[in-house]
Amino acid sequence: MSEPAQTLVLRSPRDNVDLVHGFLERLWVAHADIGELDRMAFETALIELVSNVIEHADTGHGVTCVIGVTVSATTLVANLSDTADAGEIQVVGRLMPSVAAESGRGIALVQMLVDDLQYERVGEKNLWSMSRNRVE
């Protein structure tokens, strides 16, 4: 059974990914049974996703992200909604770009670290969901 989601609200500018690191540190303390590999992979994926939203989706009006993380005996799930403008986001079939490319690695990296990544635009919000099956 999953525990209720732990939630963080991040507003950029002002807040940054350090807030997400602190949020996850508290979550890991509360869930000491989550292994290091799962922690590192999930944290890296979530930080990368939030960083992408803050860096690429803010068109000068700021972005508010609401992040919810749910822990169960078998999975780690993060749901993120943001107020950024709709973008041309490709999740399905995303490949790591060439070594010479200067961008485009974020979503591909997230996909390498989690078992499922979903994106959809609903109304005025971008909705992201990522899950990782626990291996430890």
N, C-alpha and C. Protein backbone atom coordinates (compact mmCIF):
# COMPACT_ATOMS: atom_id res chain seq x y z
N MET A 1 0.84 -1.18 0.00
CA MET A 1 0.00 0.00 0.00
C MET A 1 0.89 1.25 0.00
N SER A 2 0.48 2.25 -0.73
CA SER A 2 1.23 3.50 -0.80
C SER A 2 0.85 4.41 0.36
N GLU A 3 1.84 5.16 0.79
CA GLU A 3 1.58 6.19 1.78
C GLU A 3 1.08 7.43 1.05
N PRO A 4 0.41 8.35 1.76
CA PRO A 4 -0.04 9.58 1.11
C PRO A 4 1.16 10.33 0.50
N ALA A 5 0.90 11.01 -0.59
CA ALA A 5 1.96 11.75 -1.27
C ALA A 5 2.50 12.87 -0.39
N GLN A 6 3.81 13.03 -0.41
CA GLN A 6 4.46 14.19 0.20
C GLN A 6 4.50 15.26 -0.89
N THR A 7 4.20 16.50 -0.55
CA THR A 7 4.05 17.54 -1.57
C THR A 7 4.98 18.72 -1.32
N LEU A 8 5.48 19.28 -2.43
CA LEU A 8 6.33 20.46 -2.41
C LEU A 8 5.81 21.44 -3.46
N VAL A 9 5.73 22.70 -3.11
CA VAL A 9 5.39 23.75 -4.08
C VAL A 9 6.64 24.60 -4.30
N LEU A 10 7.02 24.75 -5.56
CA LEU A 10 8.23 25.48 -5.93
C LEU A 10 7.83 26.61 -6.87
N ARG A 11 8.28 27.81 -6.57
CA ARG A 11 7.99 28.97 -7.43
C ARG A 11 9.32 29.55 -7.93
N SER A 12 9.44 29.61 -9.26
CA SER A 12 10.66 30.14 -9.84
C SER A 12 10.29 31.31 -10.75
N PRO A 13 10.96 32.45 -10.68
CA PRO A 13 12.16 32.65 -9.89
C PRO A 13 11.85 32.77 -8.39
N ARG A 14 12.79 32.61 -7.67
CA ARG A 14 12.98 32.66 -6.24
C ARG A 14 13.45 31.29 -5.80
N ASP A 15 12.58 30.29 -5.93
CA ASP A 15 12.98 28.94 -5.52
C ASP A 15 13.82 28.30 -6.62
N ASN A 16 14.59 27.28 -6.24
CA ASN A 16 15.37 26.54 -7.21
C ASN A 16 15.41 25.07 -6.80
N VAL A 17 16.20 24.27 -7.51
CA VAL A 17 16.20 22.83 -7.26
C VAL A 17 16.78 22.46 -5.90
N ASP A 18 17.46 23.38 -5.22
CA ASP A 18 17.92 23.08 -3.86
C ASP A 18 16.75 22.73 -2.96
N LEU A 19 15.61 23.36 -3.21
CA LEU A 19 14.40 23.06 -2.45
C LEU A 19 13.97 21.60 -2.66
N VAL A 20 14.13 21.11 -3.88
CA VAL A 20 13.78 19.72 -4.19
C VAL A 20 14.75 18.77 -3.50
N HIS A 21 16.04 19.10 -3.50
CA HIS A 21 17.02 18.27 -2.78
C HIS A 21 16.64 18.14 -1.31
N GLY A 22 16.32 19.25 -0.66
CA GLY A 22 15.93 19.22 0.75
C GLY A 22 14.67 18.42 0.98
N PHE A 23 13.69 18.58 0.10
CA PHE A 23 12.44 17.83 0.16
C PHE A 23 12.71 16.32 0.11
N LEU A 24 13.57 15.92 -0.83
CA LEU A 24 13.88 14.49 -0.96
C LEU A 24 14.73 13.98 0.20
N GLU A 25 15.62 14.79 0.73
CA GLU A 25 16.40 14.38 1.91
C GLU A 25 15.47 14.02 3.06
N ARG A 26 14.45 14.84 3.28
CA ARG A 26 13.48 14.55 4.35
C ARG A 26 12.69 13.28 4.05
N LEU A 27 12.37 13.08 2.78
CA LEU A 27 11.65 11.88 2.38
C LEU A 27 12.49 10.63 2.62
N TRP A 28 13.79 10.70 2.28
CA TRP A 28 14.67 9.54 2.47
C TRP A 28 14.82 9.21 3.96
N VAL A 29 14.88 10.21 4.80
CA VAL A 29 14.96 9.97 6.25
C VAL A 29 13.71 9.23 6.72
N ALA A 30 12.56 9.64 6.21
CA ALA A 30 11.30 9.01 6.61
C ALA A 30 11.14 7.61 6.03
N HIS A 31 11.89 7.30 4.98
CA HIS A 31 11.79 5.99 4.31
C HIS A 31 13.20 5.39 4.19
N ALA A 32 13.77 5.05 5.32
CA ALA A 32 15.15 4.53 5.36
C ALA A 32 15.29 3.20 4.63
N ASP A 33 14.19 2.54 4.33
CA ASP A 33 14.24 1.25 3.64
C ASP A 33 14.50 1.38 2.14
N ILE A 34 14.47 2.58 1.60
CA ILE A 34 14.71 2.78 0.17
C ILE A 34 16.22 2.73 -0.07
N GLY A 35 16.65 1.85 -0.97
CA GLY A 35 18.06 1.65 -1.24
C GLY A 35 18.72 2.82 -1.94
N GLU A 36 20.04 2.88 -1.83
CA GLU A 36 20.83 3.99 -2.41
C GLU A 36 20.65 4.11 -3.92
N LEU A 37 20.66 2.97 -4.63
CA LEU A 37 20.51 3.02 -6.08
C LEU A 37 19.17 3.64 -6.46
N ASP A 38 18.11 3.21 -5.79
CA ASP A 38 16.78 3.77 -6.07
C ASP A 38 16.74 5.26 -5.73
N ARG A 39 17.32 5.62 -4.61
CA ARG A 39 17.34 7.03 -4.20
C ARG A 39 18.07 7.89 -5.24
N MET A 40 19.26 7.46 -5.61
CA MET A 40 20.07 8.27 -6.54
C MET A 40 19.39 8.40 -7.90
N ALA A 41 18.88 7.29 -8.42
CA ALA A 41 18.24 7.33 -9.73
C ALA A 41 16.99 8.20 -9.72
N PHE A 42 16.15 8.02 -8.70
CA PHE A 42 14.91 8.78 -8.61
C PHE A 42 15.19 10.26 -8.39
N GLU A 43 16.11 10.56 -7.50
CA GLU A 43 16.44 11.96 -7.21
C GLU A 43 17.04 12.64 -8.44
N THR A 44 17.95 11.97 -9.12
CA THR A 44 18.56 12.55 -10.32
C THR A 44 17.49 12.82 -11.37
N ALA A 45 16.59 11.87 -11.57
CA ALA A 45 15.52 12.04 -12.57
C ALA A 45 14.60 13.20 -12.21
N LEU A 46 14.20 13.28 -10.95
CA LEU A 46 13.28 14.35 -10.54
C LEU A 46 13.95 15.72 -10.63
N ILE A 47 15.20 15.81 -10.19
CA ILE A 47 15.93 17.08 -10.28
C ILE A 47 16.09 17.50 -11.74
N GLU A 48 16.39 16.56 -12.60
CA GLU A 48 16.54 16.86 -14.03
C GLU A 48 15.22 17.36 -14.62
N LEU A 49 14.13 16.71 -14.26
CA LEU A 49 12.83 17.13 -14.77
C LEU A 49 12.46 18.53 -14.29
N VAL A 50 12.62 18.78 -13.00
CA VAL A 50 12.31 20.11 -12.45
C VAL A 50 13.24 21.17 -13.07
N SER A 51 14.51 20.84 -13.21
CA SER A 51 15.47 21.78 -13.83
C SER A 51 15.04 22.14 -15.24
N ASN A 52 14.62 21.14 -16.01
CA ASN A 52 14.17 21.40 -17.37
C ASN A 52 12.97 22.33 -17.40
N VAL A 53 12.03 22.10 -16.50
CA VAL A 53 10.85 22.97 -16.44
C VAL A 53 11.26 24.40 -16.12
N ILE A 54 12.10 24.56 -15.11
CA ILE A 54 12.52 25.91 -14.71
C ILE A 54 13.33 26.59 -15.81
N GLU A 55 14.25 25.85 -16.42
CA GLU A 55 15.16 26.46 -17.40
C GLU A 55 14.51 26.70 -18.76
N HIS A 56 13.75 25.72 -19.24
CA HIS A 56 13.28 25.79 -20.62
C HIS A 56 11.83 26.25 -20.78
N ALA A 57 11.03 26.12 -19.74
CA ALA A 57 9.61 26.40 -19.90
C ALA A 57 9.20 27.79 -19.43
N ASP A 58 10.03 28.43 -18.65
CA ASP A 58 9.69 29.77 -18.17
C ASP A 58 9.92 30.79 -19.28
N THR A 59 8.86 31.44 -19.69
CA THR A 59 8.96 32.44 -20.76
C THR A 59 9.04 33.85 -20.21
N GLY A 60 9.47 33.97 -18.96
CA GLY A 60 9.65 35.28 -18.37
C GLY A 60 8.59 35.67 -17.35
N HIS A 61 7.61 34.82 -17.16
CA HIS A 61 6.52 35.12 -16.22
C HIS A 61 6.63 34.30 -14.94
N GLY A 62 7.66 33.48 -14.83
CA GLY A 62 7.80 32.60 -13.68
C GLY A 62 7.02 31.31 -13.88
N VAL A 63 7.37 30.32 -13.09
CA VAL A 63 6.73 29.01 -13.16
C VAL A 63 6.47 28.53 -11.74
N THR A 64 5.29 27.98 -11.52
CA THR A 64 4.99 27.32 -10.26
C THR A 64 4.90 25.83 -10.53
N CYS A 65 5.63 25.05 -9.76
CA CYS A 65 5.59 23.59 -9.86
C CYS A 65 5.04 23.02 -8.56
N VAL A 66 4.14 22.08 -8.67
CA VAL A 66 3.66 21.32 -7.52
C VAL A 66 4.14 19.90 -7.72
N ILE A 67 4.93 19.42 -6.77
CA ILE A 67 5.55 18.10 -6.87
C ILE A 67 4.98 17.23 -5.77
N GLY A 68 4.47 16.07 -6.14
CA GLY A 68 3.99 15.10 -5.17
C GLY A 68 4.76 13.81 -5.34
N VAL A 69 5.26 13.25 -4.25
CA VAL A 69 6.00 11.99 -4.31
C VAL A 69 5.29 10.97 -3.43
N THR A 70 5.05 9.80 -3.99
CA THR A 70 4.40 8.71 -3.28
C THR A 70 5.36 7.53 -3.24
N VAL A 71 5.47 6.92 -2.07
CA VAL A 71 6.35 5.77 -1.86
C VAL A 71 5.50 4.56 -1.53
N SER A 72 5.77 3.44 -2.20
CA SER A 72 5.14 2.18 -1.83
C SER A 72 6.25 1.15 -1.65
N ALA A 73 5.89 -0.05 -1.30
CA ALA A 73 6.88 -1.11 -1.11
C ALA A 73 7.59 -1.46 -2.41
N THR A 74 6.97 -1.15 -3.55
CA THR A 74 7.54 -1.56 -4.83
C THR A 74 7.90 -0.41 -5.77
N THR A 75 7.36 0.78 -5.54
CA THR A 75 7.60 1.87 -6.49
C THR A 75 7.79 3.22 -5.81
N LEU A 76 8.45 4.10 -6.55
CA LEU A 76 8.57 5.51 -6.20
C LEU A 76 7.89 6.27 -7.35
N VAL A 77 6.97 7.15 -7.02
CA VAL A 77 6.21 7.88 -8.04
C VAL A 77 6.29 9.37 -7.75
N ALA A 78 6.55 10.15 -8.78
CA ALA A 78 6.50 11.61 -8.66
C ALA A 78 5.51 12.13 -9.69
N ASN A 79 4.64 13.01 -9.24
CA ASN A 79 3.72 13.73 -10.13
C ASN A 79 4.06 15.20 -10.01
N LEU A 80 4.21 15.84 -11.14
CA LEU A 80 4.58 17.25 -11.17
C LEU A 80 3.61 17.97 -12.08
N SER A 81 3.06 19.07 -11.60
CA SER A 81 2.27 19.94 -12.47
C SER A 81 2.97 21.30 -12.49
N ASP A 82 2.98 21.93 -13.66
CA ASP A 82 3.61 23.24 -13.74
C ASP A 82 2.75 24.19 -14.56
N THR A 83 2.96 25.47 -14.30
CA THR A 83 2.16 26.52 -14.94
C THR A 83 2.85 27.11 -16.17
N ALA A 84 3.88 26.47 -16.65
CA ALA A 84 4.59 26.97 -17.82
C ALA A 84 3.72 26.84 -19.07
N ASP A 85 4.09 27.59 -20.09
CA ASP A 85 3.39 27.48 -21.36
C ASP A 85 3.56 26.08 -21.93
N ALA A 86 2.65 25.70 -22.80
CA ALA A 86 2.77 24.41 -23.48
C ALA A 86 4.01 24.45 -24.36
N GLY A 87 4.70 23.34 -24.42
CA GLY A 87 5.89 23.26 -25.26
C GLY A 87 5.76 22.12 -26.24
N GLU A 88 6.72 22.00 -27.10
CA GLU A 88 6.76 20.87 -28.03
C GLU A 88 7.56 19.77 -27.36
N ILE A 89 6.89 19.01 -26.52
CA ILE A 89 7.57 18.01 -25.70
C ILE A 89 7.36 16.63 -26.29
N GLN A 90 8.46 15.95 -26.53
CA GLN A 90 8.41 14.58 -27.04
C GLN A 90 8.93 13.65 -25.95
N VAL A 91 8.05 12.79 -25.47
CA VAL A 91 8.45 11.83 -24.45
C VAL A 91 8.64 10.46 -25.08
N VAL A 92 7.72 10.06 -25.94
CA VAL A 92 7.77 8.74 -26.57
C VAL A 92 8.86 8.73 -27.63
N GLY A 93 9.71 7.71 -27.59
CA GLY A 93 10.74 7.55 -28.60
C GLY A 93 11.89 8.53 -28.49
N ARG A 94 12.04 9.16 -27.36
CA ARG A 94 13.12 10.14 -27.17
C ARG A 94 14.45 9.41 -27.05
N LEU A 95 15.43 9.82 -27.82
CA LEU A 95 16.76 9.22 -27.79
C LEU A 95 17.77 10.23 -27.28
N MET A 96 18.86 9.71 -26.73
CA MET A 96 19.95 10.58 -26.29
C MET A 96 20.57 11.22 -27.53
N PRO A 97 20.75 12.54 -27.52
CA PRO A 97 21.35 13.21 -28.69
C PRO A 97 22.83 12.86 -28.83
N SER A 98 23.39 13.28 -29.95
CA SER A 98 24.81 13.01 -30.20
C SER A 98 25.68 13.73 -29.18
N VAL A 99 26.91 13.29 -29.08
CA VAL A 99 27.87 13.88 -28.15
C VAL A 99 28.07 15.37 -28.45
N ALA A 100 27.98 15.76 -29.71
CA ALA A 100 28.20 17.14 -30.11
C ALA A 100 27.00 18.05 -29.82
N ALA A 101 25.85 17.47 -29.56
CA ALA A 101 24.64 18.28 -29.31
C ALA A 101 24.80 19.07 -28.02
N GLU A 102 24.28 20.30 -28.03
CA GLU A 102 24.40 21.16 -26.85
C GLU A 102 23.19 21.10 -25.95
N SER A 103 22.14 20.42 -26.36
CA SER A 103 20.94 20.30 -25.52
C SER A 103 20.19 19.03 -25.92
N GLY A 104 19.09 18.77 -25.21
CA GLY A 104 18.25 17.64 -25.57
C GLY A 104 18.47 16.38 -24.77
N ARG A 105 19.30 16.45 -23.74
CA ARG A 105 19.60 15.24 -22.96
C ARG A 105 18.65 15.02 -21.78
N GLY A 106 17.98 16.07 -21.32
CA GLY A 106 17.22 16.01 -20.08
C GLY A 106 16.17 14.92 -20.03
N ILE A 107 15.23 14.94 -20.97
CA ILE A 107 14.15 13.96 -20.97
C ILE A 107 14.71 12.56 -21.22
N ALA A 108 15.68 12.43 -22.11
CA ALA A 108 16.29 11.12 -22.37
C ALA A 108 16.96 10.58 -21.11
N LEU A 109 17.63 11.43 -20.35
CA LEU A 109 18.26 11.01 -19.10
C LEU A 109 17.21 10.56 -18.10
N VAL A 110 16.14 11.33 -17.95
CA VAL A 110 15.07 10.95 -17.03
C VAL A 110 14.54 9.56 -17.40
N GLN A 111 14.31 9.34 -18.69
CA GLN A 111 13.79 8.05 -19.13
C GLN A 111 14.74 6.89 -18.84
N MET A 112 16.02 7.15 -18.85
CA MET A 112 16.99 6.09 -18.54
C MET A 112 16.95 5.72 -17.06
N LEU A 113 16.52 6.63 -16.21
CA LEU A 113 16.56 6.43 -14.76
C LEU A 113 15.26 5.94 -14.15
N VAL A 114 14.16 6.06 -14.89
CA VAL A 114 12.86 5.63 -14.36
C VAL A 114 12.26 4.59 -15.30
N ASP A 115 11.22 3.93 -14.82
CA ASP A 115 10.56 2.90 -15.63
C ASP A 115 9.44 3.47 -16.49
N ASP A 116 8.91 4.61 -16.10
CA ASP A 116 7.82 5.20 -16.87
C ASP A 116 7.86 6.71 -16.71
N LEU A 117 7.68 7.41 -17.82
CA LEU A 117 7.59 8.87 -17.82
C LEU A 117 6.44 9.25 -18.74
N GLN A 118 5.51 10.02 -18.20
CA GLN A 118 4.34 10.45 -18.97
C GLN A 118 4.24 11.97 -18.93
N TYR A 119 3.71 12.53 -20.01
CA TYR A 119 3.48 13.98 -20.07
C TYR A 119 2.16 14.23 -20.79
N GLU A 120 1.40 15.19 -20.28
CA GLU A 120 0.23 15.66 -21.01
C GLU A 120 -0.07 17.10 -20.61
N ARG A 121 -0.69 17.80 -21.52
CA ARG A 121 -1.12 19.17 -21.27
C ARG A 121 -2.61 19.11 -20.96
N VAL A 122 -3.01 19.63 -19.79
CA VAL A 122 -4.41 19.66 -19.39
C VAL A 122 -4.75 21.09 -18.99
N GLY A 123 -5.60 21.72 -19.75
CA GLY A 123 -5.96 23.11 -19.47
C GLY A 123 -4.74 23.99 -19.57
N GLU A 124 -4.44 24.68 -18.50
CA GLU A 124 -3.30 25.61 -18.46
C GLU A 124 -2.08 25.01 -17.78
N LYS A 125 -2.06 23.70 -17.60
CA LYS A 125 -0.95 23.07 -16.87
C LYS A 125 -0.31 21.94 -17.67
N ASN A 126 0.98 21.79 -17.44
CA ASN A 126 1.72 20.63 -17.92
C ASN A 126 1.72 19.62 -16.78
N LEU A 127 1.35 18.39 -17.08
CA LEU A 127 1.32 17.34 -16.06
C LEU A 127 2.34 16.27 -16.42
N TRP A 128 3.21 15.99 -15.47
CA TRP A 128 4.26 15.00 -15.63
C TRP A 128 4.06 13.91 -14.58
N SER A 129 4.35 12.69 -14.95
CA SER A 129 4.33 11.59 -13.99
C SER A 129 5.51 10.68 -14.31
N MET A 130 6.27 10.33 -13.28
CA MET A 130 7.38 9.39 -13.47
C MET A 130 7.34 8.37 -12.35
N SER A 131 7.69 7.14 -12.69
CA SER A 131 7.73 6.10 -11.66
C SER A 131 8.95 5.22 -11.86
N ARG A 132 9.45 4.76 -10.74
CA ARG A 132 10.60 3.86 -10.73
C ARG A 132 10.25 2.66 -9.87
N ASN A 133 10.40 1.47 -10.44
CA ASN A 133 10.23 0.25 -9.66
C ASN A 133 11.45 0.08 -8.78
N ARG A 134 11.21 -0.14 -7.49
CA ARG A 134 12.32 -0.27 -6.56
C ARG A 134 13.06 -1.58 -6.81
N VAL A 135 14.39 -1.49 -6.85
CA VAL A 135 15.21 -2.68 -7.05
C VAL A 135 15.93 -3.08 -5.78
N GLU A 136 15.96 -2.21 -4.79
CA GLU A 136 16.64 -2.51 -3.53
C GLU A 136 15.64 -2.45 -2.39
